[in-house]
Amino acid sequence: MKRVEKARPFVAPEIHIGTVADDAGAIGILSIHTAEGLVDIALDLQSADAIVDAINTIRSRLDSDGGGI
């Protein structure tokens, strides 16, 4: 079996946040600069909580693993 070298994960150099609101309420916008361009993600409160939980899990793994996942 031939060994294949994997590329290192892309680390976003820019992350921006904002909010927009209308009569239905407010949503958060998370903009992440990727190798392909900007990715805009719209978040309501429930999805924002899910993102926070996921980031906290990643942070705890990075802390316990000394920086690796």
Protein backbone atom coordinates (compact mmCIF):
# COMPACT_ATOMS: atom_id res chain seq x y z
CA MET A 1 0.00 0.00 0.00
CA LYS A 2 1.36 3.39 -0.99
CA ARG A 3 1.63 5.98 1.78
CA VAL A 4 -0.05 9.29 1.01
CA GLU A 5 1.02 12.48 2.74
CA LYS A 6 -1.95 14.49 3.98
CA ALA A 7 -1.99 18.25 3.78
CA ARG A 8 -2.08 20.10 7.08
CA PRO A 9 -5.53 21.46 8.01
CA PHE A 10 -6.22 24.98 6.80
CA VAL A 11 -6.27 27.47 9.68
CA ALA A 12 -8.48 30.45 8.88
CA PRO A 13 -6.48 33.69 9.03
CA GLU A 14 -9.62 35.79 9.43
CA ILE A 15 -12.89 35.31 11.30
CA HIS A 16 -15.47 38.09 11.49
CA ILE A 17 -18.78 38.29 13.33
CA GLY A 18 -21.88 40.42 13.01
CA THR A 19 -25.62 40.43 13.52
CA VAL A 20 -28.57 41.34 11.36
CA ALA A 21 -32.16 41.83 12.47
CA ASP A 22 -35.57 42.16 10.92
CA ASP A 23 -39.16 41.83 12.12
CA ALA A 24 -38.63 38.10 12.73
CA GLY A 25 -35.68 38.70 15.08
CA ALA A 26 -31.90 38.72 15.02
CA ILE A 27 -29.39 36.24 13.63
CA GLY A 28 -25.65 36.12 13.99
CA ILE A 29 -23.34 35.99 11.00
CA LEU A 30 -20.02 34.18 11.30
CA SER A 31 -17.70 34.89 8.34
CA ILE A 32 -14.64 32.66 7.96
CA HIS A 33 -11.92 33.30 5.40
CA THR A 34 -11.01 30.02 3.68
CA ALA A 35 -8.64 29.03 0.90
CA GLU A 36 -11.63 29.28 -1.47
CA GLY A 37 -12.90 32.65 -0.18
CA LEU A 38 -15.33 33.78 2.50
CA VAL A 39 -17.88 31.42 4.02
CA ASP A 40 -20.79 33.16 5.76
CA ILE A 41 -22.74 31.13 8.31
CA ALA A 42 -26.05 32.39 9.69
CA LEU A 43 -26.71 31.34 13.29
CA ASP A 44 -29.79 31.49 15.47
CA LEU A 45 -29.42 31.14 19.25
CA GLN A 46 -29.73 27.34 19.21
CA SER A 47 -27.11 26.86 16.48
CA ALA A 48 -24.81 29.40 18.16
CA ASP A 49 -25.02 27.36 21.38
CA ALA A 50 -24.13 24.20 19.42
CA ILE A 51 -21.08 25.95 17.90
CA VAL A 52 -19.96 27.12 21.37
CA ASP A 53 -20.29 23.56 22.73
CA ALA A 54 -18.26 22.20 19.81
CA ILE A 55 -15.54 24.81 20.27
CA ASN A 56 -15.37 24.08 24.00
CA THR A 57 -14.88 20.38 23.20
CA ILE A 58 -12.08 21.22 20.76
CA ARG A 59 -10.45 23.57 23.29
CA SER A 60 -10.48 20.92 26.03
CA ARG A 61 -8.90 18.39 23.67
CA LEU A 62 -6.24 20.88 22.59
CA ASP A 63 -5.46 21.65 26.24
CA SER A 64 -5.22 17.99 27.24
CA ASP A 65 -3.32 16.87 24.13
CA GLY A 66 -0.80 19.69 24.23
CA GLY A 67 -2.07 21.27 21.03
CA GLY A 68 -3.03 18.31 18.84
CA ILE A 69 -6.40 16.80 18.10
